[in-house]
Amino acid sequence: MKAFLFDMDGVLVDTQQIHTLALKKVFDEYGIEISLAELDTFAGTKRGTAFRTAAEERGVELPIEEMCEAKDKIFDSMIEKTDLKPIKGIPELLKHLKANGVLTAIASSSSREFISLVVDRTGIREYFDAFVSGQELTESKPNPAIYLLAAQILGVEPSECIVLEDAHLGVEAAKRAGMKCIGYRNPNSGEQDLSKADVVVDRVEMIRQILGNF
């Protein structure tokens, strides 16, 4: 292992549920019935994916950009009231990786602005060598592009990377990129199928114990 790549929402901070609730509020406002369980399947996807998919599956036209802007406003308002803290075990894992010379990157479908907000408000910016936003790519997870780009920026081969993911689509993206993947079962990220991950953990604290097995 030369590099460790992190998803962000639901991995570094518990924000995935806030994304889901913001999406639900917008769908409700536009009269589209959709369950929280269905919205959980969009965890890790880029801006607008849930709205576009819902429109295609229901055979209706939706004002996608308008809905995206509404979701952004709701999400931002909810985040302002949230005490953002790293998920338990993340600071210790980051310190361990840095002490052992492992390169690190965030590869998140969130915007670069939100990535910056998270790392600054949680005080973990110093532990990362690169930040990659899915908003800058044309394809969303499970397309492996975001992880392949992160590896390229860090100057390592995909086979030399380990990815930490909490979402089904993110795990698939990591494996399609040719990387090892640790699935983190975060109860706040909904029911996610992490079976394609090389190993699944229920607590971030477990990760340091198993890194020697990769």
Protein backbone atom coordinates (compact mmCIF):
# COMPACT_ATOMS: atom_id res chain seq x y z
CA MET A 1 0.00 0.00 0.00
CA LYS A 2 1.32 3.40 -1.04
CA ALA A 3 -1.91 5.39 -0.89
CA PHE A 4 -5.13 5.41 1.10
CA LEU A 5 -8.14 7.04 -0.54
CA PHE A 6 -11.16 8.24 1.41
CA ASP A 7 -14.70 8.84 0.34
CA MET A 8 -16.01 11.71 2.49
CA ASP A 9 -19.73 11.71 3.28
CA GLY A 10 -20.39 8.86 5.68
CA VAL A 11 -16.68 8.01 5.94
CA LEU A 12 -14.88 11.07 7.28
CA VAL A 13 -17.99 12.84 8.61
CA ASP A 14 -21.56 11.71 9.20
CA THR A 15 -23.19 13.81 6.50
CA GLN A 16 -24.67 11.19 4.20
CA GLN A 17 -27.98 11.15 6.06
CA ILE A 18 -28.21 14.94 5.69
CA HIS A 19 -27.81 14.59 1.90
CA THR A 20 -30.61 12.02 1.88
CA LEU A 21 -32.99 14.12 3.97
CA ALA A 22 -32.32 17.20 1.80
CA LEU A 23 -33.09 15.18 -1.34
CA LYS A 24 -36.33 13.89 0.24
CA LYS A 25 -37.47 17.42 1.07
CA VAL A 26 -36.98 18.52 -2.54
CA PHE A 27 -38.77 15.50 -4.00
CA ASP A 28 -41.66 16.15 -1.61
CA GLU A 29 -41.81 19.81 -2.66
CA TYR A 30 -42.09 18.74 -6.31
CA GLY A 31 -44.72 16.11 -5.61
CA ILE A 32 -42.52 13.10 -6.37
CA GLU A 33 -43.06 10.12 -4.06
CA ILE A 34 -39.79 8.43 -3.19
CA SER A 35 -38.70 6.49 -0.13
CA LEU A 36 -35.65 7.12 2.02
CA ALA A 37 -34.53 3.57 1.21
CA GLU A 38 -34.53 4.39 -2.52
CA LEU A 39 -32.67 7.63 -1.87
CA ASP A 40 -30.03 5.70 0.08
CA THR A 41 -29.07 3.98 -3.19
CA PHE A 42 -27.77 7.30 -4.52
CA ALA A 43 -25.18 7.63 -1.75
CA GLY A 44 -21.88 8.63 -3.30
CA THR A 45 -23.29 9.89 -6.59
CA LYS A 46 -22.69 13.35 -8.01
CA ARG A 47 -25.02 16.34 -7.97
CA GLY A 48 -28.32 15.78 -9.79
CA THR A 49 -28.04 12.00 -10.25
CA ALA A 50 -31.03 11.23 -8.01
CA PHE A 51 -33.24 13.74 -9.83
CA ARG A 52 -32.22 12.59 -13.30
CA THR A 53 -32.68 8.92 -12.43
CA ALA A 54 -36.09 9.53 -10.85
CA ALA A 55 -37.25 11.44 -13.91
CA GLU A 56 -36.11 8.67 -16.27
CA GLU A 57 -37.61 5.86 -14.19
CA ARG A 58 -40.95 7.66 -13.78
CA GLY A 59 -41.11 8.94 -17.36
CA VAL A 60 -41.54 12.54 -16.31
CA GLU A 61 -39.71 15.78 -16.98
CA LEU A 62 -38.23 17.50 -13.97
CA PRO A 63 -36.39 20.85 -13.67
CA ILE A 64 -33.13 19.17 -12.68
CA GLU A 65 -30.97 22.26 -12.15
CA GLU A 66 -33.73 24.02 -10.24
CA MET A 67 -34.11 20.97 -7.98
CA CYS A 68 -30.33 20.78 -7.50
CA GLU A 69 -30.23 24.40 -6.38
CA ALA A 70 -33.11 23.78 -3.97
CA LYS A 71 -31.33 20.75 -2.54
CA ASP A 72 -28.09 22.71 -2.15
CA LYS A 73 -29.89 25.44 -0.16
CA ILE A 74 -31.61 22.93 2.13
CA PHE A 75 -28.40 20.97 2.63
CA ASP A 76 -26.35 24.10 3.35
CA SER A 77 -28.92 25.24 5.91
CA MET A 78 -28.83 21.85 7.64
CA ILE A 79 -25.02 21.76 7.65
CA GLU A 80 -24.84 25.20 9.24
CA LYS A 81 -26.75 23.77 12.22
CA THR A 82 -24.58 20.63 12.39
CA ASP A 83 -21.56 20.29 14.66
CA LEU A 84 -19.25 18.65 12.13
CA LYS A 85 -16.81 16.24 13.72
CA PRO A 86 -14.70 13.45 12.21
CA ILE A 87 -16.21 10.00 12.60
CA LYS A 88 -14.77 8.21 15.61
CA GLY A 89 -11.41 6.68 14.76
CA ILE A 90 -10.70 8.86 11.72
CA PRO A 91 -8.18 11.24 13.37
CA GLU A 92 -6.18 8.31 14.72
CA LEU A 93 -6.25 6.53 11.34
CA LEU A 94 -5.04 9.69 9.55
CA LYS A 95 -2.19 10.15 12.03
CA HIS A 96 -1.20 6.50 11.61
CA LEU A 97 -1.11 6.78 7.82
CA LYS A 98 0.89 10.01 7.91
CA ALA A 99 3.39 8.57 10.41
CA ASN A 100 3.95 5.61 8.08
CA GLY A 101 4.46 7.68 4.94
CA VAL A 102 1.23 6.63 3.25
CA LEU A 103 -0.17 9.14 0.75
CA THR A 104 -3.79 10.14 1.30
CA ALA A 105 -6.57 11.72 -0.75
CA ILE A 106 -10.24 12.50 -0.50
CA ALA A 107 -12.18 11.33 -3.56
CA SER A 108 -15.73 12.52 -3.01
CA SER A 109 -18.74 13.17 -5.21
CA SER A 110 -19.35 16.34 -3.19
CA SER A 111 -18.26 19.73 -4.48
CA ARG A 112 -14.73 20.99 -3.91
CA GLU A 113 -16.20 23.81 -1.80
CA PHE A 114 -17.92 21.35 0.54
CA ILE A 115 -14.80 19.18 0.76
CA SER A 116 -12.87 22.28 1.85
CA LEU A 117 -15.55 23.20 4.38
CA VAL A 118 -15.44 19.72 5.92
CA VAL A 119 -11.67 19.42 6.23
CA ASP A 120 -11.38 22.93 7.66
CA ARG A 121 -14.23 22.64 10.16
CA THR A 122 -12.98 19.25 11.36
CA GLY A 123 -9.30 20.23 11.43
CA ILE A 124 -8.05 17.37 9.25
CA ARG A 125 -6.85 19.23 6.13
CA GLU A 126 -3.16 18.76 7.04
CA TYR A 127 -3.43 14.99 6.73
CA PHE A 128 -4.32 14.94 3.02
CA ASP A 129 -2.08 15.14 -0.03
CA ALA A 130 -4.88 15.62 -2.58
CA PHE A 131 -8.57 16.38 -2.96
CA VAL A 132 -10.67 15.19 -5.90
CA SER A 133 -14.29 16.28 -6.41
CA GLY A 134 -16.69 14.22 -8.47
CA GLN A 135 -18.32 17.45 -9.59
CA GLU A 136 -15.31 17.97 -11.84
CA LEU A 137 -15.88 14.66 -13.66
CA THR A 138 -18.49 13.75 -16.23
CA GLU A 139 -19.16 10.30 -14.75
CA SER A 140 -20.37 9.48 -11.25
CA LYS A 141 -19.58 6.46 -9.08
CA PRO A 142 -19.74 3.49 -9.78
CA ASN A 143 -17.59 4.74 -12.66
CA PRO A 144 -14.00 4.39 -11.39
CA ALA A 145 -12.80 7.70 -12.87
CA ILE A 146 -12.63 9.57 -9.57
CA TYR A 147 -10.41 6.95 -7.94
CA LEU A 148 -8.20 6.56 -10.99
CA LEU A 149 -7.71 10.33 -11.09
CA ALA A 150 -6.81 10.39 -7.39
CA ALA A 151 -4.18 7.70 -7.94
CA GLN A 152 -2.79 9.61 -10.92
CA ILE A 153 -2.51 12.83 -8.90
CA LEU A 154 -0.71 10.99 -6.09
CA GLY A 155 1.62 9.30 -8.60
CA VAL A 156 0.78 5.73 -7.63
CA GLU A 157 -0.65 2.69 -9.40
CA PRO A 158 -4.28 1.72 -8.70
CA SER A 159 -3.07 -1.63 -7.35
CA GLU A 160 -1.09 0.27 -4.70
CA CYS A 161 -4.23 1.96 -3.29
CA ILE A 162 -6.73 1.10 -0.59
CA VAL A 163 -10.12 2.82 -0.59
CA LEU A 164 -12.42 3.37 2.39
CA GLU A 165 -16.09 3.50 1.34
CA ASP A 166 -19.47 3.33 3.05
CA ALA A 167 -21.67 3.08 -0.07
CA HIS A 168 -22.40 0.30 -2.54
CA LEU A 169 -21.66 2.44 -5.60
CA GLY A 170 -18.40 3.65 -4.09
CA VAL A 171 -17.23 0.12 -3.36
CA GLU A 172 -17.99 -0.86 -6.94
CA ALA A 173 -16.08 2.17 -8.23
CA ALA A 174 -13.03 1.24 -6.15
CA LYS A 175 -13.03 -2.37 -7.33
CA ARG A 176 -13.53 -1.34 -10.97
CA ALA A 177 -10.50 0.91 -10.53
CA GLY A 178 -8.44 -2.15 -9.58
CA MET A 179 -8.01 -1.10 -5.96
CA LYS A 180 -8.44 -2.84 -2.64
CA CYS A 181 -11.49 -1.63 -0.75
CA ILE A 182 -12.50 -1.53 2.89
CA GLY A 183 -16.23 -1.21 3.38
CA TYR A 184 -17.34 0.78 6.42
CA ARG A 185 -20.82 -0.15 7.59
CA ASN A 186 -22.11 3.22 8.75
CA PRO A 187 -25.65 2.85 10.15
CA ASN A 188 -26.41 6.44 9.11
CA SER A 189 -25.71 5.66 5.43
CA GLY A 190 -28.72 3.37 5.04
CA GLU A 191 -28.75 -0.26 3.93
CA GLN A 192 -25.71 -0.54 1.67
CA ASP A 193 -24.53 -3.71 -0.07
CA LEU A 194 -20.81 -3.74 0.72
CA SER A 195 -20.27 -7.39 -0.26
CA LYS A 196 -17.82 -6.52 -3.06
CA ALA A 197 -15.40 -4.91 -0.59
CA ASP A 198 -12.30 -6.91 0.35
CA VAL A 199 -13.21 -6.56 4.01
CA VAL A 200 -16.05 -4.87 5.89
CA VAL A 201 -15.74 -3.15 9.27
CA ASP A 202 -18.33 -1.79 11.67
CA ARG A 203 -15.91 0.60 13.36
CA VAL A 204 -13.18 2.77 11.85
CA GLU A 205 -10.95 1.85 14.80
CA MET A 206 -10.68 -1.67 13.36
CA ILE A 207 -8.93 -0.49 10.20
CA ARG A 208 -5.46 0.02 11.63
CA GLN A 209 -5.54 -3.55 12.90
CA ILE A 210 -6.20 -5.04 9.47
CA LEU A 211 -3.99 -2.86 7.24
CA GLY A 212 -1.15 -5.36 7.49
CA ASN A 213 -3.33 -7.93 5.71
CA PHE A 214 -3.35 -5.93 2.45
